[in-house]
Amino acid sequence: MKVIIVYDSVSPSKVTMKVAQAIWEGVKAKGLDADCIYCKDLEKAKVKNYDCVIAGAPTMAFRPSRCMLSFLTGSTLQS
């Protein structure tokens, strides 16, 4: 199984990035092929090549961050 972890992190402490990287390390430790990608760098990846997508973002006014919302609605997905 090939897994992609897409995250956005907007705070100076980069908490969401740290959580995404911890998940990535756990997935890889289980022997799965995994990539961890910042949402703004996602255009470099082909999401359709993955079997599982894990998305994480901080909430901004009770909604996902702008970058993650763009990813979730498909506006940054590459075919």
C-alpha atoms as a PDB file:
ATOM      1  CA  MET A   1       0.000   0.000   0.000  1.00  0.00           C
ATOM      2  CA  LYS A   2       1.244   3.464  -0.892  1.00  0.00           C
ATOM      3  CA  VAL A   3       0.267   6.273   1.502  1.00  0.00           C
ATOM      4  CA  ILE A   4       0.472  10.048   1.142  1.00  0.00           C
ATOM      5  CA  ILE A   5       0.227  12.353   4.132  1.00  0.00           C
ATOM      6  CA  VAL A   6      -0.702  15.894   3.117  1.00  0.00           C
ATOM      7  CA  TYR A   7      -0.431  18.601   5.743  1.00  0.00           C
ATOM      8  CA  ASP A   8      -0.565  22.334   6.258  1.00  0.00           C
ATOM      9  CA  SER A   9       1.100  24.040   9.194  1.00  0.00           C
ATOM     10  CA  VAL A  10       0.753  27.756   9.769  1.00  0.00           C
ATOM     11  CA  SER A  11       1.989  28.377  13.303  1.00  0.00           C
ATOM     12  CA  PRO A  12       5.605  29.264  14.024  1.00  0.00           C
ATOM     13  CA  SER A  13       5.919  26.072  16.104  1.00  0.00           C
ATOM     14  CA  LYS A  14       4.767  23.927  13.118  1.00  0.00           C
ATOM     15  CA  VAL A  15       2.694  21.601  15.324  1.00  0.00           C
ATOM     16  CA  THR A  16       0.674  20.090  12.461  1.00  0.00           C
ATOM     17  CA  MET A  17       3.868  19.389  10.510  1.00  0.00           C
ATOM     18  CA  LYS A  18       5.326  17.573  13.514  1.00  0.00           C
ATOM     19  CA  VAL A  19       2.182  15.441  13.860  1.00  0.00           C
ATOM     20  CA  ALA A  20       2.221  14.640  10.120  1.00  0.00           C
ATOM     21  CA  GLN A  21       5.860  13.596  10.325  1.00  0.00           C
ATOM     22  CA  ALA A  22       5.149  11.386  13.359  1.00  0.00           C
ATOM     23  CA  ILE A  23       2.330   9.658  11.442  1.00  0.00           C
ATOM     24  CA  TRP A  24       4.646   9.271   8.431  1.00  0.00           C
ATOM     25  CA  GLU A  25       7.323   7.659  10.597  1.00  0.00           C
ATOM     26  CA  GLY A  26       4.730   5.292  12.099  1.00  0.00           C
ATOM     27  CA  VAL A  27       3.389   4.301   8.697  1.00  0.00           C
ATOM     28  CA  LYS A  28       6.893   3.661   7.386  1.00  0.00           C
ATOM     29  CA  ALA A  29       7.748   1.647  10.514  1.00  0.00           C
ATOM     30  CA  LYS A  30       4.857  -0.667   9.616  1.00  0.00           C
ATOM     31  CA  GLY A  31       6.554  -1.310   6.282  1.00  0.00           C
ATOM     32  CA  LEU A  32       4.314   0.788   4.060  1.00  0.00           C
ATOM     33  CA  ASP A  33       5.547   3.045   1.266  1.00  0.00           C
ATOM     34  CA  ALA A  34       4.712   6.576   2.417  1.00  0.00           C
ATOM     35  CA  ASP A  35       5.334  10.200   1.520  1.00  0.00           C
ATOM     36  CA  CYS A  36       4.718  13.265   3.683  1.00  0.00           C
ATOM     37  CA  ILE A  37       4.084  16.431   1.666  1.00  0.00           C
ATOM     38  CA  TYR A  38       3.345  20.042   2.604  1.00  0.00           C
ATOM     39  CA  CYS A  39       0.113  21.050   0.849  1.00  0.00           C
ATOM     40  CA  LYS A  40       1.813  23.870  -1.074  1.00  0.00           C
ATOM     41  CA  ASP A  41       4.286  21.352  -2.535  1.00  0.00           C
ATOM     42  CA  LEU A  42       1.559  18.912  -3.508  1.00  0.00           C
ATOM     43  CA  GLU A  43       1.537  19.808  -7.194  1.00  0.00           C
ATOM     44  CA  LYS A  44       4.818  17.910  -7.393  1.00  0.00           C
ATOM     45  CA  ALA A  45       3.033  14.680  -6.409  1.00  0.00           C
ATOM     46  CA  LYS A  46       0.422  12.682  -8.285  1.00  0.00           C
ATOM     47  CA  VAL A  47      -2.250  11.896  -5.692  1.00  0.00           C
ATOM     48  CA  LYS A  48      -3.862   9.307  -7.936  1.00  0.00           C
ATOM     49  CA  ASN A  49      -0.748   7.135  -7.513  1.00  0.00           C
ATOM     50  CA  TYR A  50      -1.555   6.545  -3.827  1.00  0.00           C
ATOM     51  CA  ASP A  51      -3.864   4.006  -2.216  1.00  0.00           C
ATOM     52  CA  CYS A  52      -4.469   6.029   0.956  1.00  0.00           C
ATOM     53  CA  VAL A  53      -4.552   9.781   1.613  1.00  0.00           C
ATOM     54  CA  ILE A  54      -4.194  11.210   5.112  1.00  0.00           C
ATOM     55  CA  ALA A  55      -4.831  14.955   5.407  1.00  0.00           C
ATOM     56  CA  GLY A  56      -4.080  17.174   8.376  1.00  0.00           C
ATOM     57  CA  ALA A  57      -4.367  20.901   8.906  1.00  0.00           C
ATOM     58  CA  PRO A  58      -4.891  23.467  11.587  1.00  0.00           C
ATOM     59  CA  THR A  59      -8.358  24.941  11.816  1.00  0.00           C
ATOM     60  CA  MET A  60      -8.868  28.577  11.002  1.00  0.00           C
ATOM     61  CA  ALA A  61     -12.217  29.967  12.220  1.00  0.00           C
ATOM     62  CA  PHE A  62     -13.559  26.396  12.593  1.00  0.00           C
ATOM     63  CA  ARG A  63     -12.530  25.421   9.036  1.00  0.00           C
ATOM     64  CA  PRO A  64      -9.443  23.794   7.544  1.00  0.00           C
ATOM     65  CA  SER A  65      -6.676  26.179   6.543  1.00  0.00           C
ATOM     66  CA  ARG A  66      -6.993  27.732   3.081  1.00  0.00           C
ATOM     67  CA  CYS A  67      -4.311  25.495   1.544  1.00  0.00           C
ATOM     68  CA  MET A  68      -5.897  22.321   2.945  1.00  0.00           C
ATOM     69  CA  LEU A  69      -9.384  23.410   1.938  1.00  0.00           C
ATOM     70  CA  SER A  70      -8.082  23.908  -1.579  1.00  0.00           C
ATOM     71  CA  PHE A  71      -6.617  20.388  -1.533  1.00  0.00           C
ATOM     72  CA  LEU A  72      -9.787  18.839  -0.111  1.00  0.00           C
ATOM     73  CA  THR A  73     -11.991  20.478  -2.738  1.00  0.00           C
ATOM     74  CA  GLY A  74      -9.718  19.232  -5.504  1.00  0.00           C
ATOM     75  CA  SER A  75      -8.379  22.500  -6.809  1.00  0.00           C
ATOM     76  CA  THR A  76      -4.729  21.432  -6.256  1.00  0.00           C
ATOM     77  CA  LEU A  77      -5.040  17.830  -7.366  1.00  0.00           C
ATOM     78  CA  GLN A  78      -3.023  16.875 -10.417  1.00  0.00           C
ATOM     79  CA  SER A  79      -4.306  14.215 -12.796  1.00  0.00           C
END
